[in-house]
Amino acid sequence: LLAVEINDETYGEAAYKLGTYHEYGH
């Protein structure tokens, strides 16, 4: 969440991983 808030070069990967957390309920 912090990486997405910062919106740096890792944003795409962080957002993807957050998607998996929500999709699978991690």
Full PDB file with SEQRES, HELIX, SHEET, SSBOND, CRYST1, ORIGX, SCALE, CONECT and MASTER records, all heavy atoms in Angstrom:
SEQRES   1 A   26  LEU LEU ALA VAL GLU ILE ASN ASP GLU THR TYR GLY GLU          
SEQRES   2 A   26  ALA ALA TYR LYS LEU GLY THR TYR HIS GLU TYR GLY HIS          
HELIX    1 AA1 LEU A    2  ILE A    6  1                                   5    
HELIX    2 AA2 TYR A   11  TYR A   24  1                                  14    
CRYST1    1.000    1.000    1.000  90.00  90.00  90.00 P 1           1          
ORIGX1      1.000000  0.000000  0.000000        0.00000                         
ORIGX2      0.000000  1.000000  0.000000        0.00000                         
ORIGX3      0.000000  0.000000  1.000000        0.00000                         
SCALE1      1.000000  0.000000  0.000000        0.00000                         
SCALE2      0.000000  1.000000  0.000000        0.00000                         
SCALE3      0.000000  0.000000  1.000000        0.00000                         
ATOM      1  N   LEU A   1       0.832  -1.205   0.000  1.00  0.00           N  
ATOM      2  CA  LEU A   1       0.000   0.000   0.000  1.00  0.00           C  
ATOM      3  C   LEU A   1       0.865   1.253   0.000  1.00  0.00           C  
ATOM      4  O   LEU A   1       0.577   2.219  -0.712  1.00  0.00           O  
ATOM      5  CB  LEU A   1      -0.934   0.018   1.220  1.00  0.00           C  
ATOM      6  CG  LEU A   1      -2.135  -0.916   1.176  1.00  0.00           C  
ATOM      7  CD1 LEU A   1      -2.859  -0.895   2.529  1.00  0.00           C  
ATOM      8  CD2 LEU A   1      -3.085  -0.525   0.063  1.00  0.00           C  
ATOM      9  N   LEU A   2       1.922   1.227   0.780  1.00  0.00           N  
ATOM     10  CA  LEU A   2       2.841   2.361   0.835  1.00  0.00           C  
ATOM     11  C   LEU A   2       3.509   2.584  -0.520  1.00  0.00           C  
ATOM     12  O   LEU A   2       3.614   3.716  -0.991  1.00  0.00           O  
ATOM     13  CB  LEU A   2       3.894   2.138   1.923  1.00  0.00           C  
ATOM     14  CG  LEU A   2       4.893   3.265   2.138  1.00  0.00           C  
ATOM     15  CD1 LEU A   2       4.189   4.548   2.526  1.00  0.00           C  
ATOM     16  CD2 LEU A   2       5.905   2.868   3.208  1.00  0.00           C  
ATOM     17  N   ALA A   3       3.928   1.515  -1.160  1.00  0.00           N  
ATOM     18  CA  ALA A   3       4.561   1.625  -2.480  1.00  0.00           C  
ATOM     19  C   ALA A   3       3.599   2.236  -3.496  1.00  0.00           C  
ATOM     20  O   ALA A   3       3.998   3.054  -4.328  1.00  0.00           O  
ATOM     21  CB  ALA A   3       5.047   0.256  -2.958  1.00  0.00           C  
ATOM     22  N   VAL A   4       2.337   1.873  -3.410  1.00  0.00           N  
ATOM     23  CA  VAL A   4       1.342   2.438  -4.326  1.00  0.00           C  
ATOM     24  C   VAL A   4       1.124   3.921  -4.014  1.00  0.00           C  
ATOM     25  O   VAL A   4       1.006   4.737  -4.912  1.00  0.00           O  
ATOM     26  CB  VAL A   4       0.018   1.638  -4.256  1.00  0.00           C  
ATOM     27  CG1 VAL A   4      -1.118   2.370  -4.929  1.00  0.00           C  
ATOM     28  CG2 VAL A   4       0.212   0.278  -4.910  1.00  0.00           C  
ATOM     29  N   GLU A   5       1.088   4.265  -2.732  1.00  0.00           N  
ATOM     30  CA  GLU A   5       0.925   5.673  -2.334  1.00  0.00           C  
ATOM     31  C   GLU A   5       2.086   6.529  -2.839  1.00  0.00           C  
ATOM     32  O   GLU A   5       1.879   7.645  -3.294  1.00  0.00           O  
ATOM     33  CB  GLU A   5       0.844   5.794  -0.814  1.00  0.00           C  
ATOM     34  CG  GLU A   5      -0.509   5.476  -0.248  1.00  0.00           C  
ATOM     35  CD  GLU A   5      -0.542   5.679   1.262  1.00  0.00           C  
ATOM     36  OE1 GLU A   5       0.165   6.561   1.781  1.00  0.00           O  
ATOM     37  OE2 GLU A   5      -1.294   4.928   1.914  1.00  0.00           O  
ATOM     38  N   ILE A   6       3.291   5.999  -2.730  1.00  0.00           N  
ATOM     39  CA  ILE A   6       4.482   6.736  -3.159  1.00  0.00           C  
ATOM     40  C   ILE A   6       4.481   6.923  -4.668  1.00  0.00           C  
ATOM     41  O   ILE A   6       4.956   7.921  -5.180  1.00  0.00           O  
ATOM     42  CB  ILE A   6       5.768   6.011  -2.688  1.00  0.00           C  
ATOM     43  CG1 ILE A   6       5.861   6.062  -1.162  1.00  0.00           C  
ATOM     44  CG2 ILE A   6       7.007   6.624  -3.323  1.00  0.00           C  
ATOM     45  CD1 ILE A   6       6.943   5.185  -0.592  1.00  0.00           C  
ATOM     46  N   ASN A   7       3.893   5.945  -5.389  1.00  0.00           N  
ATOM     47  CA  ASN A   7       3.744   6.003  -6.843  1.00  0.00           C  
ATOM     48  C   ASN A   7       5.102   6.158  -7.541  1.00  0.00           C  
ATOM     49  O   ASN A   7       5.269   6.993  -8.424  1.00  0.00           O  
ATOM     50  CB  ASN A   7       2.794   7.137  -7.232  1.00  0.00           C  
ATOM     51  CG  ASN A   7       2.309   7.002  -8.647  1.00  0.00           C  
ATOM     52  OD1 ASN A   7       2.441   5.960  -9.273  1.00  0.00           O  
ATOM     53  ND2 ASN A   7       1.733   8.072  -9.162  1.00  0.00           N  
ATOM     54  N   ASP A   8       6.051   5.332  -7.162  1.00  0.00           N  
ATOM     55  CA  ASP A   8       7.365   5.367  -7.805  1.00  0.00           C  
ATOM     56  C   ASP A   8       7.450   4.300  -8.891  1.00  0.00           C  
ATOM     57  O   ASP A   8       6.430   3.801  -9.354  1.00  0.00           O  
ATOM     58  CB  ASP A   8       8.486   5.226  -6.765  1.00  0.00           C  
ATOM     59  CG  ASP A   8       8.496   3.870  -6.073  1.00  0.00           C  
ATOM     60  OD1 ASP A   8       7.669   3.007  -6.414  1.00  0.00           O  
ATOM     61  OD2 ASP A   8       9.335   3.675  -5.187  1.00  0.00           O  
ATOM     62  N   GLU A   9       8.650   3.947  -9.282  1.00  0.00           N  
ATOM     63  CA  GLU A   9       8.831   2.977 -10.370  1.00  0.00           C  
ATOM     64  C   GLU A   9       8.355   1.572 -10.019  1.00  0.00           C  
ATOM     65  O   GLU A   9       8.164   0.740 -10.899  1.00  0.00           O  
ATOM     66  CB  GLU A   9      10.292   2.944 -10.844  1.00  0.00           C  
ATOM     67  CG  GLU A   9      11.289   2.357  -9.855  1.00  0.00           C  
ATOM     68  CD  GLU A   9      11.798   3.359  -8.823  1.00  0.00           C  
ATOM     69  OE1 GLU A   9      11.478   4.553  -8.922  1.00  0.00           O  
ATOM     70  OE2 GLU A   9      12.516   2.937  -7.902  1.00  0.00           O  
ATOM     71  N   THR A  10       8.119   1.298  -8.747  1.00  0.00           N  
ATOM     72  CA  THR A  10       7.618  -0.024  -8.350  1.00  0.00           C  
ATOM     73  C   THR A  10       6.093  -0.071  -8.325  1.00  0.00           C  
ATOM     74  O   THR A  10       5.519  -1.090  -7.978  1.00  0.00           O  
ATOM     75  CB  THR A  10       8.149  -0.430  -6.952  1.00  0.00           C  
ATOM     76  OG1 THR A  10       7.623   0.476  -5.971  1.00  0.00           O  
ATOM     77  CG2 THR A  10       9.667  -0.438  -6.911  1.00  0.00           C  
ATOM     78  N   TYR A  11       5.445   1.029  -8.721  1.00  0.00           N  
ATOM     79  CA  TYR A  11       3.987   1.115  -8.624  1.00  0.00           C  
ATOM     80  C   TYR A  11       3.285  -0.029  -9.353  1.00  0.00           C  
ATOM     81  O   TYR A  11       2.385  -0.650  -8.808  1.00  0.00           O  
ATOM     82  CB  TYR A  11       3.489   2.453  -9.169  1.00  0.00           C  
ATOM     83  CG  TYR A  11       1.985   2.556  -9.138  1.00  0.00           C  
ATOM     84  CD1 TYR A  11       1.348   3.018  -8.002  1.00  0.00           C  
ATOM     85  CD2 TYR A  11       1.211   2.161 -10.222  1.00  0.00           C  
ATOM     86  CE1 TYR A  11      -0.034   3.086  -7.941  1.00  0.00           C  
ATOM     87  CE2 TYR A  11      -0.176   2.229 -10.172  1.00  0.00           C  
ATOM     88  CZ  TYR A  11      -0.786   2.696  -9.041  1.00  0.00           C  
ATOM     89  OH  TYR A  11      -2.152   2.750  -8.975  1.00  0.00           O  
ATOM     90  N   GLY A  12       3.654  -0.305 -10.591  1.00  0.00           N  
ATOM     91  CA  GLY A  12       2.985  -1.340 -11.380  1.00  0.00           C  
ATOM     92  C   GLY A  12       3.018  -2.694 -10.714  1.00  0.00           C  
ATOM     93  O   GLY A  12       2.006  -3.384 -10.620  1.00  0.00           O  
ATOM     94  N   GLU A  13       4.182  -3.079 -10.217  1.00  0.00           N  
ATOM     95  CA  GLU A  13       4.310  -4.373  -9.547  1.00  0.00           C  
ATOM     96  C   GLU A  13       3.540  -4.394  -8.229  1.00  0.00           C  
ATOM     97  O   GLU A  13       2.853  -5.366  -7.911  1.00  0.00           O  
ATOM     98  CB  GLU A  13       5.778  -4.702  -9.295  1.00  0.00           C  
ATOM     99  CG  GLU A  13       5.982  -6.059  -8.665  1.00  0.00           C  
ATOM    100  CD  GLU A  13       7.451  -6.424  -8.456  1.00  0.00           C  
ATOM    101  OE1 GLU A  13       8.329  -5.598  -8.760  1.00  0.00           O  
ATOM    102  OE2 GLU A  13       7.695  -7.543  -7.989  1.00  0.00           O  
ATOM    103  N   ALA A  14       3.640  -3.314  -7.463  1.00  0.00           N  
ATOM    104  CA  ALA A  14       2.944  -3.251  -6.175  1.00  0.00           C  
ATOM    105  C   ALA A  14       1.430  -3.315  -6.373  1.00  0.00           C  
ATOM    106  O   ALA A  14       0.739  -4.039  -5.652  1.00  0.00           O  
ATOM    107  CB  ALA A  14       3.326  -1.980  -5.424  1.00  0.00           C  
ATOM    108  N   ALA A  15       0.926  -2.579  -7.358  1.00  0.00           N  
ATOM    109  CA  ALA A  15      -0.514  -2.594  -7.618  1.00  0.00           C  
ATOM    110  C   ALA A  15      -0.971  -3.984  -8.046  1.00  0.00           C  
ATOM    111  O   ALA A  15      -2.033  -4.460  -7.624  1.00  0.00           O  
ATOM    112  CB  ALA A  15      -0.871  -1.558  -8.683  1.00  0.00           C  
ATOM    113  N   TYR A  16      -0.159  -4.649  -8.848  1.00  0.00           N  
ATOM    114  CA  TYR A  16      -0.501  -6.012  -9.275  1.00  0.00           C  
ATOM    115  C   TYR A  16      -0.584  -6.946  -8.065  1.00  0.00           C  
ATOM    116  O   TYR A  16      -1.530  -7.714  -7.920  1.00  0.00           O  
ATOM    117  CB  TYR A  16       0.542  -6.539 -10.268  1.00  0.00           C  
ATOM    118  CG  TYR A  16       0.292  -7.968 -10.667  1.00  0.00           C  
ATOM    119  CD1 TYR A  16      -0.637  -8.272 -11.648  1.00  0.00           C  
ATOM    120  CD2 TYR A  16       0.973  -9.016 -10.048  1.00  0.00           C  
ATOM    121  CE1 TYR A  16      -0.895  -9.596 -12.012  1.00  0.00           C  
ATOM    122  CE2 TYR A  16       0.724 -10.330 -10.401  1.00  0.00           C  
ATOM    123  CZ  TYR A  16      -0.206 -10.616 -11.383  1.00  0.00           C  
ATOM    124  OH  TYR A  16      -0.460 -11.917 -11.733  1.00  0.00           O  
ATOM    125  N   LYS A  17       0.402  -6.858  -7.189  1.00  0.00           N  
ATOM    126  CA  LYS A  17       0.415  -7.722  -6.009  1.00  0.00           C  
ATOM    127  C   LYS A  17      -0.760  -7.420  -5.080  1.00  0.00           C  
ATOM    128  O   LYS A  17      -1.341  -8.327  -4.497  1.00  0.00           O  
ATOM    129  CB  LYS A  17       1.751  -7.601  -5.276  1.00  0.00           C  
ATOM    130  CG  LYS A  17       2.867  -8.272  -6.050  1.00  0.00           C  
ATOM    131  CD  LYS A  17       4.208  -8.175  -5.352  1.00  0.00           C  
ATOM    132  CE  LYS A  17       5.272  -8.891  -6.174  1.00  0.00           C  
ATOM    133  NZ  LYS A  17       6.584  -8.822  -5.565  1.00  0.00           N  
ATOM    134  N   LEU A  18      -1.127  -6.134  -4.961  1.00  0.00           N  
ATOM    135  CA  LEU A  18      -2.303  -5.792  -4.170  1.00  0.00           C  
ATOM    136  C   LEU A  18      -3.556  -6.402  -4.792  1.00  0.00           C  
ATOM    137  O   LEU A  18      -4.457  -6.855  -4.082  1.00  0.00           O  
ATOM    138  CB  LEU A  18      -2.453  -4.268  -4.065  1.00  0.00           C  
ATOM    139  CG  LEU A  18      -1.491  -3.592  -3.105  1.00  0.00           C  
ATOM    140  CD1 LEU A  18      -1.574  -2.082  -3.251  1.00  0.00           C  
ATOM    141  CD2 LEU A  18      -1.770  -4.009  -1.668  1.00  0.00           C  
ATOM    142  N   GLY A  19      -3.597  -6.441  -6.108  1.00  0.00           N  
ATOM    143  CA  GLY A  19      -4.710  -7.089  -6.788  1.00  0.00           C  
ATOM    144  C   GLY A  19      -4.823  -8.546  -6.405  1.00  0.00           C  
ATOM    145  O   GLY A  19      -5.928  -9.055  -6.148  1.00  0.00           O  
ATOM    146  N   THR A  20      -3.687  -9.229  -6.317  1.00  0.00           N  
ATOM    147  CA  THR A  20      -3.731 -10.650  -5.939  1.00  0.00           C  
ATOM    148  C   THR A  20      -4.201 -10.814  -4.492  1.00  0.00           C  
ATOM    149  O   THR A  20      -4.928 -11.760  -4.190  1.00  0.00           O  
ATOM    150  CB  THR A  20      -2.370 -11.363  -6.122  1.00  0.00           C  
ATOM    151  OG1 THR A  20      -1.401 -10.769  -5.259  1.00  0.00           O  
ATOM    152  CG2 THR A  20      -1.903 -11.299  -7.562  1.00  0.00           C  
ATOM    153  N   TYR A  21      -3.801  -9.897  -3.627  1.00  0.00           N  
ATOM    154  CA  TYR A  21      -4.251  -9.967  -2.227  1.00  0.00           C  
ATOM    155  C   TYR A  21      -5.770  -9.892  -2.167  1.00  0.00           C  
ATOM    156  O   TYR A  21      -6.415 -10.627  -1.426  1.00  0.00           O  
ATOM    157  CB  TYR A  21      -3.644  -8.825  -1.399  1.00  0.00           C  
ATOM    158  CG  TYR A  21      -2.312  -9.154  -0.789  1.00  0.00           C  
ATOM    159  CD1 TYR A  21      -1.170  -9.278  -1.568  1.00  0.00           C  
ATOM    160  CD2 TYR A  21      -2.189  -9.341   0.584  1.00  0.00           C  
ATOM    161  CE1 TYR A  21       0.056  -9.580  -1.005  1.00  0.00           C  
ATOM    162  CE2 TYR A  21      -0.962  -9.642   1.166  1.00  0.00           C  
ATOM    163  CZ  TYR A  21       0.158  -9.763   0.360  1.00  0.00           C  
ATOM    164  OH  TYR A  21       1.366 -10.063   0.916  1.00  0.00           O  
ATOM    165  N   HIS A  22      -6.349  -8.993  -2.947  1.00  0.00           N  
ATOM    166  CA  HIS A  22      -7.799  -8.818  -2.926  1.00  0.00           C  
ATOM    167  C   HIS A  22      -8.519  -9.942  -3.680  1.00  0.00           C  
ATOM    168  O   HIS A  22      -9.598 -10.354  -3.277  1.00  0.00           O  
ATOM    169  CB  HIS A  22      -8.185  -7.452  -3.488  1.00  0.00           C  
ATOM    170  CG  HIS A  22      -7.884  -6.351  -2.532  1.00  0.00           C  
ATOM    171  ND1 HIS A  22      -8.699  -6.044  -1.468  1.00  0.00           N  
ATOM    172  CD2 HIS A  22      -6.834  -5.502  -2.450  1.00  0.00           C  
ATOM    173  CE1 HIS A  22      -8.166  -5.052  -0.780  1.00  0.00           C  
ATOM    174  NE2 HIS A  22      -7.038  -4.702  -1.355  1.00  0.00           N  
ATOM    175  N   GLU A  23      -7.924 -10.424  -4.746  1.00  0.00           N  
ATOM    176  CA  GLU A  23      -8.560 -11.496  -5.511  1.00  0.00           C  
ATOM    177  C   GLU A  23      -8.653 -12.787  -4.705  1.00  0.00           C  
ATOM    178  O   GLU A  23      -9.662 -13.490  -4.739  1.00  0.00           O  
ATOM    179  CB  GLU A  23      -7.789 -11.755  -6.806  1.00  0.00           C  
ATOM    180  CG  GLU A  23      -8.416 -12.835  -7.664  1.00  0.00           C  
ATOM    181  CD  GLU A  23      -7.706 -13.064  -8.985  1.00  0.00           C  
ATOM    182  OE1 GLU A  23      -6.635 -12.466  -9.234  1.00  0.00           O  
ATOM    183  OE2 GLU A  23      -8.230 -13.858  -9.783  1.00  0.00           O  
ATOM    184  N   TYR A  24      -7.580 -13.106  -3.978  1.00  0.00           N  
ATOM    185  CA  TYR A  24      -7.523 -14.382  -3.265  1.00  0.00           C  
ATOM    186  C   TYR A  24      -7.774 -14.275  -1.764  1.00  0.00           C  
ATOM    187  O   TYR A  24      -7.820 -15.279  -1.073  1.00  0.00           O  
ATOM    188  CB  TYR A  24      -6.168 -15.053  -3.524  1.00  0.00           C  
ATOM    189  CG  TYR A  24      -5.963 -15.345  -4.987  1.00  0.00           C  
ATOM    190  CD1 TYR A  24      -5.078 -14.588  -5.743  1.00  0.00           C  
ATOM    191  CD2 TYR A  24      -6.674 -16.357  -5.624  1.00  0.00           C  
ATOM    192  CE1 TYR A  24      -4.897 -14.838  -7.100  1.00  0.00           C  
ATOM    193  CE2 TYR A  24      -6.505 -16.618  -6.974  1.00  0.00           C  
ATOM    194  CZ  TYR A  24      -5.607 -15.846  -7.704  1.00  0.00           C  
ATOM    195  OH  TYR A  24      -5.443 -16.094  -9.049  1.00  0.00           O  
ATOM    196  N   GLY A  25      -7.921 -13.054  -1.250  1.00  0.00           N  
ATOM    197  CA  GLY A  25      -8.186 -12.881   0.172  1.00  0.00           C  
ATOM    198  C   GLY A  25      -6.986 -13.125   1.063  1.00  0.00           C  
ATOM    199  O   GLY A  25      -7.124 -13.581   2.185  1.00  0.00           O  
ATOM    200  N   HIS A  26      -5.797 -12.809   0.570  1.00  0.00           N  
ATOM    201  CA  HIS A  26      -4.582 -12.966   1.385  1.00  0.00           C  
ATOM    202  C   HIS A  26      -4.582 -11.957   2.537  1.00  0.00           C  
ATOM    203  O   HIS A  26      -5.275 -10.957   2.498  1.00  0.00           O  
ATOM    204  CB  HIS A  26      -3.325 -12.750   0.543  1.00  0.00           C  
ATOM    205  CG  HIS A  26      -3.121 -13.771  -0.532  1.00  0.00           C  
ATOM    206  ND1 HIS A  26      -3.250 -15.122  -0.327  1.00  0.00           N  
ATOM    207  CD2 HIS A  26      -2.793 -13.630  -1.848  1.00  0.00           C  
ATOM    208  CE1 HIS A  26      -3.002 -15.775  -1.442  1.00  0.00           C  
ATOM    209  NE2 HIS A  26      -2.741 -14.890  -2.385  1.00  0.00           N  
TER     210      HIS A  26                                                      
MASTER        0    0    0    2    0    0    0    6  209    1    0    2          
END                                                                             
